[in-house]
Amino acid sequence: METGSLLGHLVSRFVSQRENLATEALGYVLGRSPAARRGFLSFIQALGITISGTLAFRTQEAGADGSIPDLVGADVDGRPIVLLEAKFDAVLTDNQPVAYLNRLPLDQHAILLFVGPAWRMGLLWAELVTRCRVASLELGNQRSVSPELIVRPVSSSHLLALSSWRTLLSHLQVALNAEGDVAALSDIAQLQGLCNRMDDEAFLPVRSEELSAAVPSRLIQLNRVLDEVVDRAVR
C-alpha cells in the first residue's frame, strides 16, 4: 500500500532543496493552526524546558553571526526560544550546532532541535555531540525520551535534541486529532508523505574525508581480510 502523498511525489520530481520545502510546510502548519502550535509546544516542553506564553514561528531567519536556522520560534520579545533545523540527507553546516546554540537567550529556557530521518539519527547525533565537544561545550547526561528522540542538556536552561520526523509528526497528529483540526491534519499528512518519500530514497551524504586516499585503501584492506577469513572458515 502506498504511504506517500502528493507533496512527496512532486518533491521528487521538481524540488532539489527538500529540507527547505519540509521546513516551509511545517512553518505553514504552525502559523495557521493554534492546535498545531499547542501540540508543538507540548512536544518541546515534554523534553524538559518551560515555555511561557506563545511563540511566533518564522522560517529561514538569519542571525548576526551568519547562521540561518530553518525554523525559529520567538517569544513576545523576539528572543529565539526554539531553533529547529530540518534534515534529510544534507550535511551539517559549519555553524551547526555550536553557533545555533550560542543564539539561544542565556536567561531563558530554550532548545535547539534537529529533526531528521530515523535511519540517520545515530550518525547525525554522534556528529552533533562531537562538534559540541570540539567547541568545549559541556553536555549533560543523555536521555532517550523514546527510540527516536534524544536529548542532552547544554546548560541549566538549554537543550540539544534530535527527533525523527516520524516522532514529531506523530505527536502533532495526536494533538490535532484531539482538537479536531481536520485541515491541519491534512497538511501534516502531506508532510508525512514527503518524509516517507525521503526515507525510501535515503542515501548517506558523502563527506570530503571519505574521498581521501586513506578510506579507499582501508576498504581494500578490509576486503582482503574478509576474503582471508572466509577462506580459513571454508578450510
C-alpha atoms as a PDB file:
ATOM      1  CA  MET A   1       0.000   0.000   0.000  1.00  0.00           C
ATOM      2  CA  GLU A   2       1.356   3.462  -0.862  1.00  0.00           C
ATOM      3  CA  THR A   3       2.298   5.624   2.138  1.00  0.00           C
ATOM      4  CA  GLY A   4       3.306   8.715   0.180  1.00  0.00           C
ATOM      5  CA  SER A   5       1.437  11.897  -0.653  1.00  0.00           C
ATOM      6  CA  LEU A   6       1.039  14.337  -3.490  1.00  0.00           C
ATOM      7  CA  LEU A   7       3.699  16.556  -1.886  1.00  0.00           C
ATOM      8  CA  GLY A   8       6.068  13.608  -1.610  1.00  0.00           C
ATOM      9  CA  HIS A   9       5.529  12.758  -5.267  1.00  0.00           C
ATOM     10  CA  LEU A  10       6.046  16.290  -6.529  1.00  0.00           C
ATOM     11  CA  VAL A  11       9.155  16.997  -4.463  1.00  0.00           C
ATOM     12  CA  SER A  12      10.944  14.033  -6.002  1.00  0.00           C
ATOM     13  CA  ARG A  13      10.373  15.466  -9.476  1.00  0.00           C
ATOM     14  CA  PHE A  14      10.627  19.223  -9.164  1.00  0.00           C
ATOM     15  CA  VAL A  15      12.401  20.251  -5.943  1.00  0.00           C
ATOM     16  CA  SER A  16      16.086  19.985  -5.075  1.00  0.00           C
ATOM     17  CA  GLN A  17      16.036  21.800  -1.704  1.00  0.00           C
ATOM     18  CA  ARG A  18      13.860  19.281   0.062  1.00  0.00           C
ATOM     19  CA  GLU A  19      14.758  20.323   3.595  1.00  0.00           C
ATOM     20  CA  ASN A  20      13.584  23.848   2.800  1.00  0.00           C
ATOM     21  CA  LEU A  21      10.284  22.539   1.481  1.00  0.00           C
ATOM     22  CA  ALA A  22       9.697  20.476   4.625  1.00  0.00           C
ATOM     23  CA  THR A  23      10.562  23.472   6.802  1.00  0.00           C
ATOM     24  CA  GLU A  24       8.153  25.740   4.951  1.00  0.00           C
ATOM     25  CA  ALA A  25       5.430  23.106   5.211  1.00  0.00           C
ATOM     26  CA  LEU A  26       5.919  22.774   8.964  1.00  0.00           C
ATOM     27  CA  GLY A  27       6.089  26.547   9.394  1.00  0.00           C
ATOM     28  CA  TYR A  28       2.890  26.906   7.369  1.00  0.00           C
ATOM     29  CA  VAL A  29       1.016  24.489   9.617  1.00  0.00           C
ATOM     30  CA  LEU A  30       2.310  26.096  12.813  1.00  0.00           C
ATOM     31  CA  GLY A  31       1.440  29.552  11.500  1.00  0.00           C
ATOM     32  CA  ARG A  32      -2.142  28.658  10.571  1.00  0.00           C
ATOM     33  CA  SER A  33      -3.169  26.250  13.329  1.00  0.00           C
ATOM     34  CA  PRO A  34      -3.324  27.174  17.031  1.00  0.00           C
ATOM     35  CA  ALA A  35      -3.832  23.470  17.775  1.00  0.00           C
ATOM     36  CA  ALA A  36      -0.614  22.630  15.925  1.00  0.00           C
ATOM     37  CA  ARG A  37       1.255  25.295  17.893  1.00  0.00           C
ATOM     38  CA  ARG A  38      -0.052  23.905  21.158  1.00  0.00           C
ATOM     39  CA  GLY A  39       0.904  20.403  20.088  1.00  0.00           C
ATOM     40  CA  PHE A  40       4.386  21.514  19.093  1.00  0.00           C
ATOM     41  CA  LEU A  41       4.924  23.342  22.392  1.00  0.00           C
ATOM     42  CA  SER A  42       3.756  20.299  24.360  1.00  0.00           C
ATOM     43  CA  PHE A  43       6.282  18.218  22.408  1.00  0.00           C
ATOM     44  CA  ILE A  44       9.070  20.668  23.297  1.00  0.00           C
ATOM     45  CA  GLN A  45       8.083  21.072  26.947  1.00  0.00           C
ATOM     46  CA  ALA A  46       7.976  17.303  27.433  1.00  0.00           C
ATOM     47  CA  LEU A  47      11.721  17.351  26.765  1.00  0.00           C
ATOM     48  CA  GLY A  48      12.345  19.331  29.932  1.00  0.00           C
ATOM     49  CA  ILE A  49      12.041  23.068  29.317  1.00  0.00           C
ATOM     50  CA  THR A  50       9.373  25.546  30.355  1.00  0.00           C
ATOM     51  CA  ILE A  51       7.909  27.936  27.784  1.00  0.00           C
ATOM     52  CA  SER A  52       5.710  30.773  28.962  1.00  0.00           C
ATOM     53  CA  GLY A  53       3.216  32.366  26.595  1.00  0.00           C
ATOM     54  CA  THR A  54       3.019  31.787  22.878  1.00  0.00           C
ATOM     55  CA  LEU A  55       5.710  31.694  20.212  1.00  0.00           C
ATOM     56  CA  ALA A  56       5.724  33.211  16.735  1.00  0.00           C
ATOM     57  CA  PHE A  57       7.281  30.912  14.141  1.00  0.00           C
ATOM     58  CA  ARG A  58       9.388  32.174  11.246  1.00  0.00           C
ATOM     59  CA  THR A  59      11.428  30.277   8.671  1.00  0.00           C
ATOM     60  CA  GLN A  60      14.960  30.938   7.424  1.00  0.00           C
ATOM     61  CA  GLU A  61      15.699  33.791   9.835  1.00  0.00           C
ATOM     62  CA  ALA A  62      19.351  34.857   9.579  1.00  0.00           C
ATOM     63  CA  GLY A  63      21.300  35.861  12.673  1.00  0.00           C
ATOM     64  CA  ALA A  64      24.091  38.387  13.081  1.00  0.00           C
ATOM     65  CA  ASP A  65      26.574  35.502  13.159  1.00  0.00           C
ATOM     66  CA  GLY A  66      25.511  34.319   9.701  1.00  0.00           C
ATOM     67  CA  SER A  67      23.612  31.273  10.936  1.00  0.00           C
ATOM     68  CA  ILE A  68      20.207  30.647   9.337  1.00  0.00           C
ATOM     69  CA  PRO A  69      18.076  28.168  11.303  1.00  0.00           C
ATOM     70  CA  ASP A  70      15.306  26.576   9.292  1.00  0.00           C
ATOM     71  CA  LEU A  71      12.611  27.480  11.826  1.00  0.00           C
ATOM     72  CA  VAL A  72      12.675  29.946  14.729  1.00  0.00           C
ATOM     73  CA  GLY A  73      10.087  30.097  17.489  1.00  0.00           C
ATOM     74  CA  ALA A  74      10.402  33.545  19.090  1.00  0.00           C
ATOM     75  CA  ASP A  75       8.723  34.839  22.243  1.00  0.00           C
ATOM     76  CA  VAL A  76       6.895  38.176  22.554  1.00  0.00           C
ATOM     77  CA  ASP A  77      10.237  39.951  22.994  1.00  0.00           C
ATOM     78  CA  GLY A  78      11.630  38.428  19.796  1.00  0.00           C
ATOM     79  CA  ARG A  79      14.041  36.076  21.560  1.00  0.00           C
ATOM     80  CA  PRO A  80      14.636  32.710  19.848  1.00  0.00           C
ATOM     81  CA  ILE A  81      13.291  30.144  22.297  1.00  0.00           C
ATOM     82  CA  VAL A  82      13.100  27.282  19.787  1.00  0.00           C
ATOM     83  CA  LEU A  83      15.523  26.764  16.914  1.00  0.00           C
ATOM     84  CA  LEU A  84      14.659  23.886  14.609  1.00  0.00           C
ATOM     85  CA  GLU A  85      16.883  22.504  11.882  1.00  0.00           C
ATOM     86  CA  ALA A  86      15.369  20.126   9.324  1.00  0.00           C
ATOM     87  CA  LYS A  87      17.480  17.363   7.799  1.00  0.00           C
ATOM     88  CA  PHE A  88      17.034  14.629   5.274  1.00  0.00           C
ATOM     89  CA  ASP A  89      20.413  13.911   3.683  1.00  0.00           C
ATOM     90  CA  ALA A  90      22.050  17.361   3.855  1.00  0.00           C
ATOM     91  CA  VAL A  91      25.287  17.586   5.821  1.00  0.00           C
ATOM     92  CA  LEU A  92      25.695  19.815   8.858  1.00  0.00           C
ATOM     93  CA  THR A  93      26.875  23.326   8.056  1.00  0.00           C
ATOM     94  CA  ASP A  94      29.882  24.894   9.767  1.00  0.00           C
ATOM     95  CA  ASN A  95      27.530  26.803  12.093  1.00  0.00           C
ATOM     96  CA  GLN A  96      25.722  23.698  13.307  1.00  0.00           C
ATOM     97  CA  PRO A  97      25.183  23.155  16.127  1.00  0.00           C
ATOM     98  CA  VAL A  98      27.525  25.485  18.035  1.00  0.00           C
ATOM     99  CA  ALA A  99      26.615  28.865  16.504  1.00  0.00           C
ATOM    100  CA  TYR A 100      22.945  27.967  16.799  1.00  0.00           C
ATOM    101  CA  LEU A 101      23.302  27.095  20.478  1.00  0.00           C
ATOM    102  CA  ASN A 102      25.032  30.410  21.057  1.00  0.00           C
ATOM    103  CA  ARG A 103      21.960  32.206  19.675  1.00  0.00           C
ATOM    104  CA  LEU A 104      19.734  30.900  22.471  1.00  0.00           C
ATOM    105  CA  PRO A 105      18.993  33.544  25.149  1.00  0.00           C
ATOM    106  CA  LEU A 106      21.117  32.998  28.243  1.00  0.00           C
ATOM    107  CA  ASP A 107      18.399  33.805  30.777  1.00  0.00           C
ATOM    108  CA  GLN A 108      15.596  31.716  29.251  1.00  0.00           C
ATOM    109  CA  HIS A 109      14.717  28.079  28.778  1.00  0.00           C
ATOM    110  CA  ALA A 110      15.393  27.342  25.110  1.00  0.00           C
ATOM    111  CA  ILE A 111      16.132  24.451  22.768  1.00  0.00           C
ATOM    112  CA  LEU A 112      17.928  23.589  19.560  1.00  0.00           C
ATOM    113  CA  LEU A 113      16.029  20.744  17.912  1.00  0.00           C
ATOM    114  CA  PHE A 114      17.263  18.815  14.895  1.00  0.00           C
ATOM    115  CA  VAL A 115      14.689  16.743  13.020  1.00  0.00           C
ATOM    116  CA  GLY A 116      15.846  14.058  10.619  1.00  0.00           C
ATOM    117  CA  PRO A 117      15.103  10.611   9.208  1.00  0.00           C
ATOM    118  CA  ALA A 118      15.155   7.713  11.648  1.00  0.00           C
ATOM    119  CA  TRP A 119      17.801   5.926   9.569  1.00  0.00           C
ATOM    120  CA  ARG A 120      20.244   8.796  10.053  1.00  0.00           C
ATOM    121  CA  MET A 121      19.761   9.529  13.753  1.00  0.00           C
ATOM    122  CA  GLY A 122      22.761   7.597  15.071  1.00  0.00           C
ATOM    123  CA  LEU A 123      25.269   9.217  12.727  1.00  0.00           C
ATOM    124  CA  LEU A 124      23.739  12.682  12.997  1.00  0.00           C
ATOM    125  CA  TRP A 125      23.641  12.624  16.794  1.00  0.00           C
ATOM    126  CA  ALA A 126      27.233  11.434  17.031  1.00  0.00           C
ATOM    127  CA  GLU A 127      28.389  14.304  14.821  1.00  0.00           C
ATOM    128  CA  LEU A 128      26.400  16.875  16.805  1.00  0.00           C
ATOM    129  CA  VAL A 129      27.892  15.692  20.096  1.00  0.00           C
ATOM    130  CA  THR A 130      31.406  15.598  18.657  1.00  0.00           C
ATOM    131  CA  ARG A 131      31.151  19.174  17.397  1.00  0.00           C
ATOM    132  CA  CYS A 132      29.991  20.337  20.818  1.00  0.00           C
ATOM    133  CA  ARG A 133      32.951  18.651  22.465  1.00  0.00           C
ATOM    134  CA  VAL A 134      35.404  20.156  19.992  1.00  0.00           C
ATOM    135  CA  ALA A 135      33.959  23.570  20.835  1.00  0.00           C
ATOM    136  CA  SER A 136      34.387  22.810  24.576  1.00  0.00           C
ATOM    137  CA  LEU A 137      30.642  22.812  25.214  1.00  0.00           C
ATOM    138  CA  GLU A 138      29.899  20.604  28.196  1.00  0.00           C
ATOM    139  CA  LEU A 139      26.859  18.413  27.654  1.00  0.00           C
ATOM    140  CA  GLY A 140      24.787  16.845  30.412  1.00  0.00           C
ATOM    141  CA  ASN A 141      23.649  13.239  30.592  1.00  0.00           C
ATOM    142  CA  GLN A 142      21.881  11.910  27.538  1.00  0.00           C
ATOM    143  CA  ARG A 143      18.199  10.965  27.755  1.00  0.00           C
ATOM    144  CA  SER A 144      16.407   8.822  25.221  1.00  0.00           C
ATOM    145  CA  VAL A 145      12.824  10.045  25.574  1.00  0.00           C
ATOM    146  CA  SER A 146      11.761   7.458  23.002  1.00  0.00           C
ATOM    147  CA  PRO A 147      13.627   5.268  20.494  1.00  0.00           C
ATOM    148  CA  GLU A 148      13.660   8.172  18.027  1.00  0.00           C
ATOM    149  CA  LEU A 149      14.006  11.164  20.363  1.00  0.00           C
ATOM    150  CA  ILE A 150      17.285  12.030  22.131  1.00  0.00           C
ATOM    151  CA  VAL A 151      18.047  14.951  24.454  1.00  0.00           C
ATOM    152  CA  ARG A 152      21.118  16.331  26.213  1.00  0.00           C
ATOM    153  CA  PRO A 153      21.311  19.477  28.374  1.00  0.00           C
ATOM    154  CA  VAL A 154      23.780  22.082  27.173  1.00  0.00           C
ATOM    155  CA  SER A 155      23.338  24.231  30.275  1.00  0.00           C
ATOM    156  CA  SER A 156      20.865  24.563  33.128  1.00  0.00           C
ATOM    157  CA  SER A 157      18.343  26.138  30.749  1.00  0.00           C
ATOM    158  CA  HIS A 158      19.267  24.977  27.231  1.00  0.00           C
ATOM    159  CA  LEU A 159      18.750  21.651  25.482  1.00  0.00           C
ATOM    160  CA  LEU A 160      20.127  19.995  22.366  1.00  0.00           C
ATOM    161  CA  ALA A 161      17.716  17.434  20.937  1.00  0.00           C
ATOM    162  CA  LEU A 162      17.289  15.187  17.919  1.00  0.00           C
ATOM    163  CA  SER A 163      13.954  13.766  16.810  1.00  0.00           C
ATOM    164  CA  SER A 164      12.898  11.705  13.849  1.00  0.00           C
ATOM    165  CA  TRP A 165      10.344  13.254  11.531  1.00  0.00           C
ATOM    166  CA  ARG A 166       8.053  10.339  12.349  1.00  0.00           C
ATOM    167  CA  THR A 167       8.116  11.053  16.091  1.00  0.00           C
ATOM    168  CA  LEU A 168       7.491  14.791  15.762  1.00  0.00           C
ATOM    169  CA  LEU A 169       4.732  14.489  13.174  1.00  0.00           C
ATOM    170  CA  SER A 170       3.016  11.663  15.047  1.00  0.00           C
ATOM    171  CA  HIS A 171       2.857  13.866  18.139  1.00  0.00           C
ATOM    172  CA  LEU A 172       1.352  16.699  16.105  1.00  0.00           C
ATOM    173  CA  GLN A 173      -1.192  14.337  14.564  1.00  0.00           C
ATOM    174  CA  VAL A 174      -2.322  13.186  18.015  1.00  0.00           C
ATOM    175  CA  ALA A 175      -2.697  16.800  19.181  1.00  0.00           C
ATOM    176  CA  LEU A 176      -4.607  17.810  16.055  1.00  0.00           C
ATOM    177  CA  ASN A 177      -6.893  14.784  16.302  1.00  0.00           C
ATOM    178  CA  ALA A 178      -7.690  15.661  19.901  1.00  0.00           C
ATOM    179  CA  GLU A 179      -8.752  19.170  18.890  1.00  0.00           C
ATOM    180  CA  GLY A 180     -10.469  18.148  15.667  1.00  0.00           C
ATOM    181  CA  ASP A 181      -8.335  20.317  13.368  1.00  0.00           C
ATOM    182  CA  VAL A 182      -9.061  18.449  10.133  1.00  0.00           C
ATOM    183  CA  ALA A 183      -7.369  20.973   7.822  1.00  0.00           C
ATOM    184  CA  ALA A 184      -4.083  20.899   9.726  1.00  0.00           C
ATOM    185  CA  LEU A 185      -4.247  17.105   9.900  1.00  0.00           C
ATOM    186  CA  SER A 186      -4.454  17.001   6.122  1.00  0.00           C
ATOM    187  CA  ASP A 187      -1.436  19.300   5.841  1.00  0.00           C
ATOM    188  CA  ILE A 188       0.584  17.174   8.269  1.00  0.00           C
ATOM    189  CA  ALA A 189      -0.341  14.075   6.263  1.00  0.00           C
ATOM    190  CA  GLN A 190       1.162  15.737   3.179  1.00  0.00           C
ATOM    191  CA  LEU A 191       4.365  16.493   5.095  1.00  0.00           C
ATOM    192  CA  GLN A 192       4.452  12.940   6.444  1.00  0.00           C
ATOM    193  CA  GLY A 193       4.194  11.673   2.867  1.00  0.00           C
ATOM    194  CA  LEU A 194       7.194  13.802   1.919  1.00  0.00           C
ATOM    195  CA  CYS A 195       9.194  12.419   4.851  1.00  0.00           C
ATOM    196  CA  ASN A 196       8.222   8.859   3.936  1.00  0.00           C
ATOM    197  CA  ARG A 197       9.461   9.506   0.412  1.00  0.00           C
ATOM    198  CA  MET A 198      12.779  10.778   1.744  1.00  0.00           C
ATOM    199  CA  ASP A 199      13.136   7.656   3.887  1.00  0.00           C
ATOM    200  CA  ASP A 200      12.526   5.495   0.819  1.00  0.00           C
ATOM    201  CA  GLU A 201      15.220   7.361  -1.121  1.00  0.00           C
ATOM    202  CA  ALA A 202      17.681   7.517   1.764  1.00  0.00           C
ATOM    203  CA  PHE A 203      21.338   7.857   0.849  1.00  0.00           C
ATOM    204  CA  LEU A 204      24.025   8.964   3.268  1.00  0.00           C
ATOM    205  CA  PRO A 205      25.785  12.176   2.194  1.00  0.00           C
ATOM    206  CA  VAL A 206      29.392  11.733   1.103  1.00  0.00           C
ATOM    207  CA  ARG A 207      31.902  13.658   3.192  1.00  0.00           C
ATOM    208  CA  SER A 208      35.151  15.101   1.921  1.00  0.00           C
ATOM    209  CA  GLU A 209      37.233  12.810   4.135  1.00  0.00           C
ATOM    210  CA  GLU A 210      35.557   9.790   2.541  1.00  0.00           C
ATOM    211  CA  LEU A 211      37.095  10.799  -0.786  1.00  0.00           C
ATOM    212  CA  SER A 212      40.643  10.859   0.583  1.00  0.00           C
ATOM    213  CA  ALA A 213      43.179   8.207  -0.324  1.00  0.00           C
ATOM    214  CA  ALA A 214      43.087   6.619   3.139  1.00  0.00           C
ATOM    215  CA  VAL A 215      39.475   5.466   3.033  1.00  0.00           C
ATOM    216  CA  PRO A 216      39.568   3.548  -0.273  1.00  0.00           C
ATOM    217  CA  SER A 217      42.850   1.936   0.817  1.00  0.00           C
ATOM    218  CA  ARG A 218      41.310   0.857   4.091  1.00  0.00           C
ATOM    219  CA  LEU A 219      38.294  -0.626   2.291  1.00  0.00           C
ATOM    220  CA  ILE A 220      40.601  -2.649   0.044  1.00  0.00           C
ATOM    221  CA  GLN A 221      42.492  -3.915   3.106  1.00  0.00           C
ATOM    222  CA  LEU A 222      39.264  -4.898   4.848  1.00  0.00           C
ATOM    223  CA  ASN A 223      38.103  -6.746   1.745  1.00  0.00           C
ATOM    224  CA  ARG A 224      41.346  -8.720   1.769  1.00  0.00           C
ATOM    225  CA  VAL A 225      40.897  -9.554   5.447  1.00  0.00           C
ATOM    226  CA  LEU A 226      37.337 -10.683   4.776  1.00  0.00           C
ATOM    227  CA  ASP A 227      38.442 -12.911   1.895  1.00  0.00           C
ATOM    228  CA  GLU A 228      41.099 -14.477   4.122  1.00  0.00           C
ATOM    229  CA  VAL A 229      38.590 -15.096   6.937  1.00  0.00           C
ATOM    230  CA  VAL A 230      36.172 -16.781   4.514  1.00  0.00           C
ATOM    231  CA  ASP A 231      38.961 -18.976   3.061  1.00  0.00           C
ATOM    232  CA  ARG A 232      40.049 -20.109   6.514  1.00  0.00           C
ATOM    233  CA  ALA A 233      36.477 -20.782   7.576  1.00  0.00           C
ATOM    234  CA  VAL A 234      35.909 -22.938   4.490  1.00  0.00           C
ATOM    235  CA  ARG A 235      39.095 -24.904   5.160  1.00  0.00           C
END
